[in-house]
Amino acid sequence: MSHDTHIYVRSQAEFEYAKKKRAEEMRGHLATFAIMIFLTLIAFTMVAAGFSVYLIVPIILLLAGIQVVLQLYYFMHLSGKGHGMVAFFLFCGIFVAFITILTFVTIIWW
């Protein structure tokens, strides 16, 4: 009983296509990382500047939500093919959780 190992040799065109796709994906990751660093700097600057807590908390929560969506979409590879249904249910769950928390906060605070 022997095990045959099949080695697939890619052509030059396939190699170039894969290289181009990896470069595009890396640019997307770097751009997303830069956006997240910028959002974090905004939050730190607002806290360091001494803005009101009533202004800072909602903005920081909004920036954190944006970062969560960016991380899920780019770094967890939800932007790839075949993840449409998973991404749909995940983001619907996040939306329902947000509405639920907003409802309870509204009921308690007002």
N, C-alpha and C. Protein backbone atom coordinates (compact mmCIF):
# COMPACT_ATOMS: atom_id res chain seq x y z
N MET A 1 0.85 -1.17 0.00
CA MET A 1 0.00 0.00 0.00
C MET A 1 0.90 1.24 0.00
N SER A 2 0.93 1.89 -1.08
CA SER A 2 1.79 3.07 -1.18
C SER A 2 0.92 4.31 -1.31
N HIS A 3 1.48 5.38 -0.90
CA HIS A 3 0.79 6.66 -0.98
C HIS A 3 1.47 7.49 -2.05
N ASP A 4 0.70 7.82 -3.04
CA ASP A 4 1.22 8.67 -4.10
C ASP A 4 0.98 10.13 -3.75
N THR A 5 1.99 10.88 -3.81
CA THR A 5 1.87 12.31 -3.57
C THR A 5 1.83 13.01 -4.92
N HIS A 6 0.72 13.68 -5.12
CA HIS A 6 0.55 14.40 -6.38
C HIS A 6 0.99 15.84 -6.17
N ILE A 7 1.90 16.27 -6.96
CA ILE A 7 2.40 17.63 -6.88
C ILE A 7 1.86 18.39 -8.09
N TYR A 8 1.17 19.48 -7.78
CA TYR A 8 0.63 20.31 -8.84
C TYR A 8 1.61 21.44 -9.11
N VAL A 9 2.09 21.50 -10.29
CA VAL A 9 3.03 22.56 -10.68
C VAL A 9 2.23 23.66 -11.37
N ARG A 10 2.32 24.85 -10.81
CA ARG A 10 1.58 25.97 -11.38
C ARG A 10 2.33 26.56 -12.56
N SER A 11 1.54 27.04 -13.48
CA SER A 11 2.14 27.71 -14.64
C SER A 11 2.56 29.13 -14.24
N GLN A 12 3.28 29.78 -15.10
CA GLN A 12 3.74 31.14 -14.83
C GLN A 12 2.55 32.10 -14.69
N ALA A 13 1.51 31.90 -15.50
CA ALA A 13 0.33 32.76 -15.43
C ALA A 13 -0.39 32.58 -14.10
N GLU A 14 -0.52 31.33 -13.63
CA GLU A 14 -1.15 31.08 -12.34
C GLU A 14 -0.33 31.68 -11.20
N PHE A 15 0.97 31.57 -11.31
CA PHE A 15 1.85 32.15 -10.30
C PHE A 15 1.71 33.67 -10.25
N GLU A 16 1.68 34.31 -11.39
CA GLU A 16 1.53 35.77 -11.46
C GLU A 16 0.17 36.21 -10.93
N TYR A 17 -0.87 35.44 -11.26
CA TYR A 17 -2.21 35.77 -10.77
C TYR A 17 -2.27 35.68 -9.25
N ALA A 18 -1.71 34.60 -8.69
CA ALA A 18 -1.70 34.43 -7.23
C ALA A 18 -0.89 35.52 -6.56
N LYS A 19 0.21 35.90 -7.17
CA LYS A 19 1.05 36.96 -6.63
C LYS A 19 0.30 38.29 -6.61
N LYS A 20 -0.44 38.57 -7.70
CA LYS A 20 -1.22 39.80 -7.78
C LYS A 20 -2.33 39.81 -6.73
N LYS A 21 -3.00 38.68 -6.55
CA LYS A 21 -4.08 38.59 -5.55
C LYS A 21 -3.54 38.80 -4.14
N ARG A 22 -2.38 38.21 -3.84
CA ARG A 22 -1.78 38.38 -2.52
C ARG A 22 -1.39 39.84 -2.28
N ALA A 23 -0.88 40.50 -3.32
CA ALA A 23 -0.50 41.90 -3.19
C ALA A 23 -1.73 42.78 -2.93
N GLU A 24 -2.83 42.50 -3.63
CA GLU A 24 -4.06 43.25 -3.40
C GLU A 24 -4.59 43.02 -1.99
N GLU A 25 -4.53 41.78 -1.54
CA GLU A 25 -5.00 41.47 -0.19
C GLU A 25 -4.13 42.16 0.86
N MET A 26 -2.84 42.20 0.64
CA MET A 26 -1.93 42.86 1.58
C MET A 26 -2.20 44.36 1.62
N ARG A 27 -2.46 44.98 0.46
CA ARG A 27 -2.79 46.40 0.45
C ARG A 27 -4.07 46.66 1.25
N GLY A 28 -5.06 45.78 1.10
CA GLY A 28 -6.29 45.93 1.86
C GLY A 28 -6.06 45.80 3.35
N HIS A 29 -5.23 44.84 3.74
CA HIS A 29 -4.93 44.66 5.16
C HIS A 29 -4.19 45.89 5.72
N LEU A 30 -3.23 46.39 4.98
CA LEU A 30 -2.47 47.56 5.46
C LEU A 30 -3.36 48.80 5.54
N ALA A 31 -4.22 48.99 4.56
CA ALA A 31 -5.13 50.14 4.60
C ALA A 31 -6.09 50.03 5.78
N THR A 32 -6.61 48.84 6.02
CA THR A 32 -7.52 48.63 7.15
C THR A 32 -6.79 48.86 8.46
N PHE A 33 -5.56 48.37 8.56
CA PHE A 33 -4.77 48.57 9.77
C PHE A 33 -4.53 50.06 10.01
N ALA A 34 -4.22 50.80 8.95
CA ALA A 34 -4.00 52.24 9.09
C ALA A 34 -5.27 52.96 9.54
N ILE A 35 -6.41 52.55 9.01
CA ILE A 35 -7.68 53.14 9.42
C ILE A 35 -7.95 52.87 10.89
N MET A 36 -7.67 51.64 11.33
CA MET A 36 -7.91 51.31 12.74
C MET A 36 -6.96 52.08 13.66
N ILE A 37 -5.72 52.27 13.26
CA ILE A 37 -4.79 53.08 14.05
C ILE A 37 -5.30 54.52 14.13
N PHE A 38 -5.78 55.05 13.02
CA PHE A 38 -6.33 56.40 12.99
C PHE A 38 -7.54 56.53 13.92
N LEU A 39 -8.44 55.55 13.90
CA LEU A 39 -9.61 55.59 14.78
C LEU A 39 -9.19 55.53 16.25
N THR A 40 -8.17 54.73 16.55
CA THR A 40 -7.66 54.65 17.92
C THR A 40 -7.05 55.98 18.34
N LEU A 41 -6.31 56.61 17.44
CA LEU A 41 -5.72 57.92 17.76
C LEU A 41 -6.79 58.98 18.01
N ILE A 42 -7.88 58.91 17.27
CA ILE A 42 -8.99 59.84 17.52
C ILE A 42 -9.52 59.65 18.93
N ALA A 43 -9.73 58.40 19.33
CA ALA A 43 -10.25 58.12 20.67
C ALA A 43 -9.27 58.60 21.75
N PHE A 44 -7.99 58.30 21.59
CA PHE A 44 -7.01 58.73 22.58
C PHE A 44 -6.91 60.26 22.64
N THR A 45 -6.99 60.91 21.51
CA THR A 45 -6.91 62.37 21.48
C THR A 45 -8.10 63.00 22.19
N MET A 46 -9.28 62.44 21.99
CA MET A 46 -10.46 62.98 22.66
C MET A 46 -10.35 62.84 24.17
N VAL A 47 -9.85 61.69 24.63
CA VAL A 47 -9.70 61.49 26.07
C VAL A 47 -8.62 62.42 26.62
N ALA A 48 -7.50 62.53 25.91
CA ALA A 48 -6.40 63.37 26.38
C ALA A 48 -6.77 64.85 26.37
N ALA A 49 -7.65 65.25 25.46
CA ALA A 49 -8.05 66.66 25.37
C ALA A 49 -9.03 67.04 26.47
N GLY A 50 -9.58 66.06 27.15
CA GLY A 50 -10.47 66.35 28.27
C GLY A 50 -11.89 66.67 27.89
N PHE A 51 -12.38 66.10 26.80
CA PHE A 51 -13.77 66.30 26.42
C PHE A 51 -14.70 65.69 27.47
N SER A 52 -15.95 66.09 27.42
CA SER A 52 -16.95 65.58 28.36
C SER A 52 -17.14 64.08 28.19
N VAL A 53 -17.37 63.41 29.30
CA VAL A 53 -17.59 61.96 29.28
C VAL A 53 -18.82 61.62 28.45
N TYR A 54 -19.83 62.48 28.50
CA TYR A 54 -21.05 62.23 27.75
C TYR A 54 -20.83 62.32 26.23
N LEU A 55 -19.79 62.99 25.82
CA LEU A 55 -19.43 63.04 24.41
C LEU A 55 -18.48 61.91 24.04
N ILE A 56 -17.54 61.62 24.92
CA ILE A 56 -16.50 60.64 24.62
C ILE A 56 -17.04 59.22 24.53
N VAL A 57 -17.87 58.82 25.48
CA VAL A 57 -18.33 57.42 25.55
C VAL A 57 -19.07 56.99 24.28
N PRO A 58 -20.07 57.73 23.79
CA PRO A 58 -20.73 57.28 22.56
C PRO A 58 -19.80 57.24 21.35
N ILE A 59 -18.91 58.22 21.26
CA ILE A 59 -18.00 58.24 20.11
C ILE A 59 -17.02 57.09 20.17
N ILE A 60 -16.49 56.79 21.36
CA ILE A 60 -15.58 55.65 21.49
C ILE A 60 -16.30 54.34 21.18
N LEU A 61 -17.54 54.21 21.62
CA LEU A 61 -18.30 52.99 21.30
C LEU A 61 -18.55 52.88 19.79
N LEU A 62 -18.83 54.00 19.15
CA LEU A 62 -19.01 53.99 17.70
C LEU A 62 -17.71 53.60 16.98
N LEU A 63 -16.60 54.19 17.41
CA LEU A 63 -15.31 53.86 16.80
C LEU A 63 -14.94 52.39 17.04
N ALA A 64 -15.26 51.89 18.23
CA ALA A 64 -14.99 50.47 18.53
C ALA A 64 -15.84 49.57 17.64
N GLY A 65 -17.10 49.93 17.43
CA GLY A 65 -17.96 49.14 16.55
C GLY A 65 -17.44 49.12 15.12
N ILE A 66 -16.96 50.26 14.65
CA ILE A 66 -16.38 50.32 13.30
C ILE A 66 -15.16 49.42 13.21
N GLN A 67 -14.33 49.44 14.25
CA GLN A 67 -13.13 48.59 14.25
C GLN A 67 -13.49 47.11 14.27
N VAL A 68 -14.52 46.74 15.01
CA VAL A 68 -14.95 45.33 15.04
C VAL A 68 -15.38 44.88 13.65
N VAL A 69 -16.17 45.70 12.99
CA VAL A 69 -16.63 45.34 11.64
C VAL A 69 -15.45 45.23 10.68
N LEU A 70 -14.52 46.17 10.73
CA LEU A 70 -13.35 46.11 9.86
C LEU A 70 -12.50 44.87 10.13
N GLN A 71 -12.31 44.54 11.40
CA GLN A 71 -11.50 43.37 11.73
C GLN A 71 -12.18 42.09 11.28
N LEU A 72 -13.48 41.99 11.48
CA LEU A 72 -14.19 40.79 11.03
C LEU A 72 -14.14 40.67 9.52
N TYR A 73 -14.35 41.77 8.83
CA TYR A 73 -14.44 41.72 7.38
C TYR A 73 -13.10 41.44 6.72
N TYR A 74 -12.05 42.10 7.16
CA TYR A 74 -10.76 41.95 6.49
C TYR A 74 -9.87 40.90 7.13
N PHE A 75 -9.69 40.96 8.44
CA PHE A 75 -8.72 40.07 9.07
C PHE A 75 -9.26 38.67 9.32
N MET A 76 -10.57 38.52 9.40
CA MET A 76 -11.16 37.18 9.54
C MET A 76 -11.60 36.65 8.18
N HIS A 77 -11.23 37.35 7.12
CA HIS A 77 -11.43 36.93 5.73
C HIS A 77 -12.90 36.72 5.36
N LEU A 78 -13.78 37.55 5.94
CA LEU A 78 -15.18 37.47 5.55
C LEU A 78 -15.41 38.10 4.19
N SER A 79 -14.41 38.78 3.67
CA SER A 79 -14.56 39.38 2.35
C SER A 79 -14.34 38.36 1.23
N GLY A 80 -13.86 37.16 1.58
CA GLY A 80 -13.60 36.13 0.57
C GLY A 80 -14.88 35.50 0.05
N LYS A 81 -14.73 34.77 -1.03
CA LYS A 81 -15.88 34.10 -1.63
C LYS A 81 -16.37 32.98 -0.71
N GLY A 82 -17.67 32.77 -0.71
CA GLY A 82 -18.25 31.68 0.05
C GLY A 82 -18.56 32.02 1.49
N HIS A 83 -18.32 33.27 1.90
CA HIS A 83 -18.61 33.66 3.27
C HIS A 83 -19.79 34.62 3.36
N GLY A 84 -20.53 34.75 2.30
CA GLY A 84 -21.63 35.71 2.28
C GLY A 84 -22.71 35.42 3.30
N MET A 85 -23.13 34.17 3.39
CA MET A 85 -24.18 33.81 4.33
C MET A 85 -23.69 33.91 5.77
N VAL A 86 -22.46 33.49 6.01
CA VAL A 86 -21.88 33.59 7.35
C VAL A 86 -21.79 35.05 7.77
N ALA A 87 -21.31 35.90 6.89
CA ALA A 87 -21.20 37.33 7.19
C ALA A 87 -22.58 37.93 7.43
N PHE A 88 -23.56 37.53 6.65
CA PHE A 88 -24.92 38.05 6.81
C PHE A 88 -25.46 37.73 8.20
N PHE A 89 -25.37 36.47 8.62
CA PHE A 89 -25.88 36.09 9.93
C PHE A 89 -25.07 36.71 11.06
N LEU A 90 -23.77 36.83 10.88
CA LEU A 90 -22.93 37.44 11.90
C LEU A 90 -23.30 38.90 12.09
N PHE A 91 -23.41 39.64 11.01
CA PHE A 91 -23.74 41.05 11.12
C PHE A 91 -25.18 41.27 11.56
N CYS A 92 -26.09 40.38 11.20
CA CYS A 92 -27.46 40.47 11.72
C CYS A 92 -27.48 40.25 13.23
N GLY A 93 -26.69 39.30 13.70
CA GLY A 93 -26.59 39.06 15.14
C GLY A 93 -26.01 40.26 15.87
N ILE A 94 -25.00 40.87 15.29
CA ILE A 94 -24.42 42.07 15.90
C ILE A 94 -25.45 43.20 15.92
N PHE A 95 -26.21 43.34 14.86
CA PHE A 95 -27.24 44.37 14.80
C PHE A 95 -28.32 44.14 15.86
N VAL A 96 -28.77 42.90 16.01
CA VAL A 96 -29.78 42.58 17.02
C VAL A 96 -29.24 42.84 18.42
N ALA A 97 -27.98 42.46 18.66
CA ALA A 97 -27.37 42.72 19.97
C ALA A 97 -27.29 44.22 20.24
N PHE A 98 -26.92 45.00 19.22
CA PHE A 98 -26.85 46.45 19.38
C PHE A 98 -28.22 47.04 19.70
N ILE A 99 -29.24 46.62 18.98
CA ILE A 99 -30.59 47.13 19.23
C ILE A 99 -31.07 46.74 20.62
N THR A 100 -30.77 45.51 21.05
CA THR A 100 -31.16 45.05 22.38
C THR A 100 -30.48 45.89 23.46
N ILE A 101 -29.19 46.10 23.33
CA ILE A 101 -28.47 46.90 24.32
C ILE A 101 -28.97 48.33 24.31
N LEU A 102 -29.19 48.89 23.13
CA LEU A 102 -29.71 50.24 23.03
C LEU A 102 -31.09 50.36 23.69
N THR A 103 -31.92 49.36 23.50
CA THR A 103 -33.25 49.36 24.11
C THR A 103 -33.16 49.34 25.63
N PHE A 104 -32.33 48.44 26.17
CA PHE A 104 -32.21 48.36 27.63
C PHE A 104 -31.58 49.62 28.22
N VAL A 105 -30.61 50.18 27.54
CA VAL A 105 -29.99 51.42 28.03
C VAL A 105 -31.00 52.55 28.00
N THR A 106 -31.80 52.62 26.95
CA THR A 106 -32.82 53.66 26.85
C THR A 106 -33.87 53.51 27.94
N ILE A 107 -34.30 52.28 28.20
CA ILE A 107 -35.31 52.05 29.24
C ILE A 107 -34.76 52.40 30.61
N ILE A 108 -33.51 52.06 30.88
CA ILE A 108 -32.94 52.30 32.21
C ILE A 108 -32.61 53.78 32.41
N TRP A 109 -32.04 54.44 31.43
CA TRP A 109 -31.58 55.81 31.62
C TRP A 109 -32.68 56.85 31.45
N TRP A 110 -33.73 56.56 30.72
CA TRP A 110 -34.78 57.56 30.54
C TRP A 110 -36.01 57.06 31.14
